[in-house]
Amino acid sequence: MPTVRYDGLAEWYDNEFAQDGPGRRTVIDFLGDGPGSLIDVGCGTGAHTAAFAARGWEVVGVDIAEELLARARERGVEVVTADAAALPFADASFDAAVSMWTHTDVDDFDAVLGEVRRVLRPDGRLVYLGAHPSFVGPHSLFVGAEGVPQLHAGLYRLAGRYSEAPGVSPTGLRARVGATHLPLGVFIQAFVDAGFTLERIAEPEADERDFPYMLALRFRR
């Protein structure tokens, strides 16, 4: 069984991560408006999923955390409880896919990307937004993404899960649920190995901060 890491955190998660902001706006810009069928992989409480539906997409959200999905259902979002590494949909079911902040949570990102590609139609697009591997991870204490990250030697290239590291703030998400770190090259290569072609890349808010903490990418199947 896949690990559920957000039990008991639905209200906190919603308050911290379900707001509109530069990340969501970048994803919407990369995705474009519907119509079309869209899967939101790792949809959480569905706040972003609802925003995609408001842009004309027929969207289904998928997450393993039932407590988060309960809030998504309250928002009127169609959701399915499922492991992102074993999506319960037929091949070529969707015109587009979105996934936000998932590579740091899942245990097997390669498997997730393989499943996303499988359920996308030919020439379907994938928009991904997540933590910037260069400045967020066990090697980098970057509290609130403010100021200059404190980098620690010897940890950047260690791919895998962590819950205690110099880069973990005791008051942040990763102290609560842990994280998976993928160095930038490994992270990008995962999409290439899954068969995706990179079209666009951006660092949201990069012009407004000393260092970026998000990375957004758009791929074609």
C-alpha atoms as a PDB file:
ATOM      1  CA  MET A   1       0.000   0.000   0.000  1.00  0.00           C
ATOM      2  CA  PRO A   2       1.263   3.526  -0.773  1.00  0.00           C
ATOM      3  CA  THR A   3       2.110   5.721   2.197  1.00  0.00           C
ATOM      4  CA  VAL A   4      -0.431   8.396   3.195  1.00  0.00           C
ATOM      5  CA  ARG A   5       1.516  11.258   4.735  1.00  0.00           C
ATOM      6  CA  TYR A   6      -1.130  13.944   5.236  1.00  0.00           C
ATOM      7  CA  ASP A   7      -3.511  12.297   7.692  1.00  0.00           C
ATOM      8  CA  GLY A   8      -4.617  14.895  10.233  1.00  0.00           C
ATOM      9  CA  LEU A   9      -3.151  17.787   8.232  1.00  0.00           C
ATOM     10  CA  ALA A  10      -6.030  18.700   5.907  1.00  0.00           C
ATOM     11  CA  GLU A  11      -6.910  22.029   7.543  1.00  0.00           C
ATOM     12  CA  TRP A  12      -3.279  23.059   7.917  1.00  0.00           C
ATOM     13  CA  TYR A  13      -2.512  22.009   4.342  1.00  0.00           C
ATOM     14  CA  ASP A  14      -5.470  23.964   2.997  1.00  0.00           C
ATOM     15  CA  ASN A  15      -4.460  27.112   4.865  1.00  0.00           C
ATOM     16  CA  GLU A  16      -0.815  26.877   3.799  1.00  0.00           C
ATOM     17  CA  PHE A  17      -0.942  25.623   0.222  1.00  0.00           C
ATOM     18  CA  ALA A  18      -4.400  26.075  -1.296  1.00  0.00           C
ATOM     19  CA  GLN A  19      -4.215  29.781  -2.037  1.00  0.00           C
ATOM     20  CA  ASP A  20      -3.904  31.486  -5.400  1.00  0.00           C
ATOM     21  CA  GLY A  21      -0.420  32.691  -6.182  1.00  0.00           C
ATOM     22  CA  PRO A  22       2.370  32.864  -8.761  1.00  0.00           C
ATOM     23  CA  GLY A  23       2.714  29.086  -8.921  1.00  0.00           C
ATOM     24  CA  ARG A  24      -0.908  28.479  -9.831  1.00  0.00           C
ATOM     25  CA  ARG A  25      -0.914  31.402 -12.241  1.00  0.00           C
ATOM     26  CA  THR A  26       2.151  30.024 -14.023  1.00  0.00           C
ATOM     27  CA  VAL A  27       0.524  26.602 -14.315  1.00  0.00           C
ATOM     28  CA  ILE A  28      -2.630  28.148 -15.787  1.00  0.00           C
ATOM     29  CA  ASP A  29      -0.518  30.154 -18.243  1.00  0.00           C
ATOM     30  CA  PHE A  30       1.390  27.031 -19.322  1.00  0.00           C
ATOM     31  CA  LEU A  31      -1.785  24.936 -19.504  1.00  0.00           C
ATOM     32  CA  GLY A  32      -4.069  27.384 -21.307  1.00  0.00           C
ATOM     33  CA  ASP A  33      -7.852  27.296 -21.218  1.00  0.00           C
ATOM     34  CA  GLY A  34     -10.129  24.372 -21.979  1.00  0.00           C
ATOM     35  CA  PRO A  35     -12.175  22.742 -23.289  1.00  0.00           C
ATOM     36  CA  GLY A  36     -10.654  19.326 -22.887  1.00  0.00           C
ATOM     37  CA  SER A  37     -10.174  16.569 -20.353  1.00  0.00           C
ATOM     38  CA  LEU A  38      -7.600  17.191 -17.633  1.00  0.00           C
ATOM     39  CA  ILE A  39      -6.179  15.064 -14.826  1.00  0.00           C
ATOM     40  CA  ASP A  40      -4.726  16.775 -11.741  1.00  0.00           C
ATOM     41  CA  VAL A  41      -2.281  14.297 -10.221  1.00  0.00           C
ATOM     42  CA  GLY A  42      -1.755  14.870  -6.511  1.00  0.00           C
ATOM     43  CA  CYS A  43      -4.639  17.321  -6.300  1.00  0.00           C
ATOM     44  CA  GLY A  44      -4.735  17.568  -2.497  1.00  0.00           C
ATOM     45  CA  THR A  45      -7.685  19.621  -1.274  1.00  0.00           C
ATOM     46  CA  GLY A  46      -8.713  20.541  -4.808  1.00  0.00           C
ATOM     47  CA  ALA A  47      -8.321  24.317  -4.641  1.00  0.00           C
ATOM     48  CA  HIS A  48      -6.075  24.408  -7.699  1.00  0.00           C
ATOM     49  CA  THR A  49      -8.207  21.743  -9.410  1.00  0.00           C
ATOM     50  CA  ALA A  50     -11.274  23.950  -9.042  1.00  0.00           C
ATOM     51  CA  ALA A  51      -9.330  26.841 -10.596  1.00  0.00           C
ATOM     52  CA  PHE A  52      -8.528  24.697 -13.637  1.00  0.00           C
ATOM     53  CA  ALA A  53     -12.200  23.726 -13.966  1.00  0.00           C
ATOM     54  CA  ALA A  54     -13.100  27.410 -13.903  1.00  0.00           C
ATOM     55  CA  ARG A  55     -10.900  27.832 -17.011  1.00  0.00           C
ATOM     56  CA  GLY A  56     -13.071  25.435 -19.008  1.00  0.00           C
ATOM     57  CA  TRP A  57     -11.397  22.100 -18.333  1.00  0.00           C
ATOM     58  CA  GLU A  58     -13.301  18.914 -17.527  1.00  0.00           C
ATOM     59  CA  VAL A  59     -11.010  17.949 -14.682  1.00  0.00           C
ATOM     60  CA  VAL A  60     -10.571  14.924 -12.437  1.00  0.00           C
ATOM     61  CA  GLY A  61      -8.343  15.134  -9.377  1.00  0.00           C
ATOM     62  CA  VAL A  62      -6.365  12.178  -8.043  1.00  0.00           C
ATOM     63  CA  ASP A  63      -4.756  11.843  -4.628  1.00  0.00           C
ATOM     64  CA  ILE A  64      -4.010   9.122  -2.082  1.00  0.00           C
ATOM     65  CA  ALA A  65      -4.878  11.266   0.961  1.00  0.00           C
ATOM     66  CA  GLU A  66      -8.583  10.772   1.637  1.00  0.00           C
ATOM     67  CA  GLU A  67      -8.717  13.564   4.230  1.00  0.00           C
ATOM     68  CA  LEU A  68      -7.489  16.043   1.624  1.00  0.00           C
ATOM     69  CA  LEU A  69      -9.926  14.704  -0.975  1.00  0.00           C
ATOM     70  CA  ALA A  70     -12.836  15.233   1.396  1.00  0.00           C
ATOM     71  CA  ARG A  71     -12.149  18.955   1.163  1.00  0.00           C
ATOM     72  CA  ALA A  72     -11.865  18.735  -2.606  1.00  0.00           C
ATOM     73  CA  ARG A  73     -15.315  17.149  -2.756  1.00  0.00           C
ATOM     74  CA  GLU A  74     -16.667  20.000  -0.618  1.00  0.00           C
ATOM     75  CA  ARG A  75     -15.385  22.328  -3.344  1.00  0.00           C
ATOM     76  CA  GLY A  76     -17.402  20.385  -5.919  1.00  0.00           C
ATOM     77  CA  VAL A  77     -14.341  18.836  -7.528  1.00  0.00           C
ATOM     78  CA  GLU A  78     -14.577  15.379  -9.093  1.00  0.00           C
ATOM     79  CA  VAL A  79     -11.862  13.304  -7.429  1.00  0.00           C
ATOM     80  CA  VAL A  80     -10.644   9.717  -7.258  1.00  0.00           C
ATOM     81  CA  THR A  81      -8.680   8.142  -4.422  1.00  0.00           C
ATOM     82  CA  ALA A  82      -5.716   6.428  -6.073  1.00  0.00           C
ATOM     83  CA  ASP A  83      -1.974   5.977  -6.060  1.00  0.00           C
ATOM     84  CA  ALA A  84      -0.406   8.256  -8.682  1.00  0.00           C
ATOM     85  CA  ALA A  85       1.905   5.384  -9.633  1.00  0.00           C
ATOM     86  CA  ALA A  86      -1.114   3.231 -10.597  1.00  0.00           C
ATOM     87  CA  LEU A  87      -3.735   5.522 -12.106  1.00  0.00           C
ATOM     88  CA  PRO A  88      -7.162   3.864 -12.519  1.00  0.00           C
ATOM     89  CA  PHE A  89      -7.760   5.152 -16.043  1.00  0.00           C
ATOM     90  CA  ALA A  90      -7.449   3.663 -19.506  1.00  0.00           C
ATOM     91  CA  ASP A  91      -4.644   4.559 -21.872  1.00  0.00           C
ATOM     92  CA  ALA A  92      -5.053   7.896 -23.680  1.00  0.00           C
ATOM     93  CA  SER A  93      -7.912   9.099 -21.460  1.00  0.00           C
ATOM     94  CA  PHE A  94      -6.936  12.773 -21.081  1.00  0.00           C
ATOM     95  CA  ASP A  95      -5.997  15.719 -23.267  1.00  0.00           C
ATOM     96  CA  ALA A  96      -3.760  17.251 -20.594  1.00  0.00           C
ATOM     97  CA  ALA A  97      -2.296  16.647 -17.163  1.00  0.00           C
ATOM     98  CA  VAL A  98      -1.207  18.881 -14.300  1.00  0.00           C
ATOM     99  CA  SER A  99       0.802  17.951 -11.235  1.00  0.00           C
ATOM    100  CA  MET A 100       1.900  20.381  -8.534  1.00  0.00           C
ATOM    101  CA  TRP A 101       4.357  19.812  -5.677  1.00  0.00           C
ATOM    102  CA  THR A 102       4.366  16.023  -6.049  1.00  0.00           C
ATOM    103  CA  HIS A 103       7.937  14.944  -6.786  1.00  0.00           C
ATOM    104  CA  THR A 104       8.939  15.749  -3.195  1.00  0.00           C
ATOM    105  CA  ASP A 105       6.110  13.578  -1.804  1.00  0.00           C
ATOM    106  CA  VAL A 106       5.902  10.435  -3.924  1.00  0.00           C
ATOM    107  CA  ASP A 107       8.197   7.444  -3.443  1.00  0.00           C
ATOM    108  CA  ASP A 108       8.616   6.604  -7.151  1.00  0.00           C
ATOM    109  CA  PHE A 109       8.447   9.697  -9.362  1.00  0.00           C
ATOM    110  CA  ASP A 110       9.541   7.693 -12.409  1.00  0.00           C
ATOM    111  CA  ALA A 111       6.482   5.442 -12.029  1.00  0.00           C
ATOM    112  CA  VAL A 112       4.198   8.451 -11.633  1.00  0.00           C
ATOM    113  CA  LEU A 113       5.487  10.048 -14.828  1.00  0.00           C
ATOM    114  CA  GLY A 114       5.116   6.762 -16.676  1.00  0.00           C
ATOM    115  CA  GLU A 115       1.481   6.567 -15.610  1.00  0.00           C
ATOM    116  CA  VAL A 116       0.824  10.190 -16.557  1.00  0.00           C
ATOM    117  CA  ARG A 117       2.231   9.589 -20.027  1.00  0.00           C
ATOM    118  CA  ARG A 118       0.160   6.423 -20.389  1.00  0.00           C
ATOM    119  CA  VAL A 119      -3.163   8.161 -19.659  1.00  0.00           C
ATOM    120  CA  LEU A 120      -2.375  11.150 -21.911  1.00  0.00           C
ATOM    121  CA  ARG A 121      -3.520  11.194 -25.514  1.00  0.00           C
ATOM    122  CA  PRO A 122      -0.920  11.580 -28.277  1.00  0.00           C
ATOM    123  CA  ASP A 123       0.444  15.140 -28.261  1.00  0.00           C
ATOM    124  CA  GLY A 124      -1.135  15.715 -24.827  1.00  0.00           C
ATOM    125  CA  ARG A 125       0.574  18.227 -22.570  1.00  0.00           C
ATOM    126  CA  LEU A 126       1.858  17.875 -19.013  1.00  0.00           C
ATOM    127  CA  VAL A 127       2.380  20.935 -16.834  1.00  0.00           C
ATOM    128  CA  TYR A 128       4.440  20.387 -13.705  1.00  0.00           C
ATOM    129  CA  LEU A 129       5.202  22.774 -10.848  1.00  0.00           C
ATOM    130  CA  GLY A 130       7.300  21.863  -7.844  1.00  0.00           C
ATOM    131  CA  ALA A 131      10.067  22.789  -5.467  1.00  0.00           C
ATOM    132  CA  HIS A 132      13.233  23.975  -7.183  1.00  0.00           C
ATOM    133  CA  PRO A 133      15.738  21.136  -6.664  1.00  0.00           C
ATOM    134  CA  SER A 134      18.706  23.502  -6.597  1.00  0.00           C
ATOM    135  CA  PHE A 135      17.469  25.596  -3.677  1.00  0.00           C
ATOM    136  CA  VAL A 136      14.979  23.387  -1.808  1.00  0.00           C
ATOM    137  CA  GLY A 137      16.056  20.108  -0.278  1.00  0.00           C
ATOM    138  CA  PRO A 138      18.056  18.486   2.502  1.00  0.00           C
ATOM    139  CA  HIS A 139      21.057  20.598   1.517  1.00  0.00           C
ATOM    140  CA  SER A 140      19.352  24.011   1.698  1.00  0.00           C
ATOM    141  CA  LEU A 141      17.750  25.785   4.643  1.00  0.00           C
ATOM    142  CA  PHE A 142      15.449  28.271   2.896  1.00  0.00           C
ATOM    143  CA  VAL A 143      12.763  29.174   5.446  1.00  0.00           C
ATOM    144  CA  GLY A 144       9.749  30.783   3.816  1.00  0.00           C
ATOM    145  CA  ALA A 145      11.785  31.065   0.594  1.00  0.00           C
ATOM    146  CA  GLU A 146      13.050  34.397   1.922  1.00  0.00           C
ATOM    147  CA  GLY A 147      16.557  35.796   1.623  1.00  0.00           C
ATOM    148  CA  VAL A 148      19.573  33.659   0.758  1.00  0.00           C
ATOM    149  CA  PRO A 149      19.381  29.871   1.272  1.00  0.00           C
ATOM    150  CA  GLN A 150      21.950  28.357   3.604  1.00  0.00           C
ATOM    151  CA  LEU A 151      23.605  25.588   1.591  1.00  0.00           C
ATOM    152  CA  HIS A 152      25.206  22.550   3.205  1.00  0.00           C
ATOM    153  CA  ALA A 153      27.891  20.496   1.473  1.00  0.00           C
ATOM    154  CA  GLY A 154      27.552  16.807   0.760  1.00  0.00           C
ATOM    155  CA  LEU A 155      23.769  16.568   0.590  1.00  0.00           C
ATOM    156  CA  TYR A 156      22.641  17.985  -2.767  1.00  0.00           C
ATOM    157  CA  ARG A 157      23.326  14.837  -4.812  1.00  0.00           C
ATOM    158  CA  LEU A 158      21.816  12.409  -2.294  1.00  0.00           C
ATOM    159  CA  ALA A 159      18.556  11.419  -4.000  1.00  0.00           C
ATOM    160  CA  GLY A 160      15.880   9.875  -1.810  1.00  0.00           C
ATOM    161  CA  ARG A 161      13.655  10.518   1.189  1.00  0.00           C
ATOM    162  CA  TYR A 162      14.635  12.532   4.223  1.00  0.00           C
ATOM    163  CA  SER A 163      12.907  13.954   7.283  1.00  0.00           C
ATOM    164  CA  GLU A 164      15.909  15.253   9.211  1.00  0.00           C
ATOM    165  CA  ALA A 165      18.574  17.323   7.493  1.00  0.00           C
ATOM    166  CA  PRO A 166      20.123  20.795   7.719  1.00  0.00           C
ATOM    167  CA  GLY A 167      17.583  21.942   5.126  1.00  0.00           C
ATOM    168  CA  VAL A 168      14.541  20.986   7.216  1.00  0.00           C
ATOM    169  CA  SER A 169      12.930  23.825   9.138  1.00  0.00           C
ATOM    170  CA  PRO A 170      11.347  22.557  12.379  1.00  0.00           C
ATOM    171  CA  THR A 171       8.210  24.582  11.640  1.00  0.00           C
ATOM    172  CA  GLY A 172       7.800  23.609   7.978  1.00  0.00           C
ATOM    173  CA  LEU A 173       6.016  20.923   6.011  1.00  0.00           C
ATOM    174  CA  ARG A 174       9.011  18.599   5.702  1.00  0.00           C
ATOM    175  CA  ALA A 175       9.406  18.287   9.457  1.00  0.00           C
ATOM    176  CA  ARG A 176       5.823  16.975   9.469  1.00  0.00           C
ATOM    177  CA  VAL A 177       5.772  14.580   6.500  1.00  0.00           C
ATOM    178  CA  GLY A 178       9.349  14.262   5.222  1.00  0.00           C
ATOM    179  CA  ALA A 179      10.322  14.701   1.585  1.00  0.00           C
ATOM    180  CA  THR A 180      12.020  13.162  -1.418  1.00  0.00           C
ATOM    181  CA  HIS A 181      14.927  15.036  -2.975  1.00  0.00           C
ATOM    182  CA  LEU A 182      15.876  14.673  -6.635  1.00  0.00           C
ATOM    183  CA  PRO A 183      18.914  16.659  -7.821  1.00  0.00           C
ATOM    184  CA  LEU A 184      18.090  18.903 -10.776  1.00  0.00           C
ATOM    185  CA  GLY A 185      19.649  16.626 -13.401  1.00  0.00           C
ATOM    186  CA  VAL A 186      17.897  13.519 -12.055  1.00  0.00           C
ATOM    187  CA  PHE A 187      14.628  15.441 -11.846  1.00  0.00           C
ATOM    188  CA  ILE A 188      14.716  16.645 -15.471  1.00  0.00           C
ATOM    189  CA  GLN A 189      15.979  13.295 -16.750  1.00  0.00           C
ATOM    190  CA  ALA A 190      12.956  11.566 -15.199  1.00  0.00           C
ATOM    191  CA  PHE A 191      10.661  13.399 -17.629  1.00  0.00           C
ATOM    192  CA  VAL A 192      12.937  12.637 -20.573  1.00  0.00           C
ATOM    193  CA  ASP A 193      13.129   8.955 -19.663  1.00  0.00           C
ATOM    194  CA  ALA A 194       9.322   8.825 -19.434  1.00  0.00           C
ATOM    195  CA  GLY A 195       9.124  10.015 -23.054  1.00  0.00           C
ATOM    196  CA  PHE A 196       8.179  13.666 -22.607  1.00  0.00           C
ATOM    197  CA  THR A 197       9.513  16.563 -24.679  1.00  0.00           C
ATOM    198  CA  LEU A 198      10.214  19.831 -22.860  1.00  0.00           C
ATOM    199  CA  GLU A 199       8.486  22.910 -24.317  1.00  0.00           C
ATOM    200  CA  ARG A 200       8.641  25.622 -21.646  1.00  0.00           C
ATOM    201  CA  ILE A 201      10.404  26.242 -18.352  1.00  0.00           C
ATOM    202  CA  ALA A 202      10.121  29.046 -15.811  1.00  0.00           C
ATOM    203  CA  GLU A 203      11.082  29.969 -12.250  1.00  0.00           C
ATOM    204  CA  PRO A 204       7.977  31.746 -10.885  1.00  0.00           C
ATOM    205  CA  GLU A 205       8.715  34.813  -8.781  1.00  0.00           C
ATOM    206  CA  ALA A 206      12.402  34.653  -9.735  1.00  0.00           C
ATOM    207  CA  ASP A 207      12.403  38.403 -10.403  1.00  0.00           C
ATOM    208  CA  GLU A 208      10.918  39.145  -6.973  1.00  0.00           C
ATOM    209  CA  ARG A 209      13.183  37.033  -4.757  1.00  0.00           C
ATOM    210  CA  ASP A 210      16.905  36.637  -4.251  1.00  0.00           C
ATOM    211  CA  PHE A 211      16.639  32.944  -5.216  1.00  0.00           C
ATOM    212  CA  PRO A 212      13.811  30.936  -6.832  1.00  0.00           C
ATOM    213  CA  TYR A 213      12.048  28.210  -4.881  1.00  0.00           C
ATOM    214  CA  MET A 214       9.691  26.961  -7.617  1.00  0.00           C
ATOM    215  CA  LEU A 215      10.293  25.404 -11.014  1.00  0.00           C
ATOM    216  CA  ALA A 216       7.563  25.149 -13.672  1.00  0.00           C
ATOM    217  CA  LEU A 217       7.781  23.044 -16.820  1.00  0.00           C
ATOM    218  CA  ARG A 218       5.545  22.147 -19.748  1.00  0.00           C
ATOM    219  CA  PHE A 219       6.027  18.956 -21.731  1.00  0.00           C
ATOM    220  CA  ARG A 220       4.420  17.202 -24.693  1.00  0.00           C
ATOM    221  CA  ARG A 221       3.749  13.497 -24.797  1.00  0.00           C
END
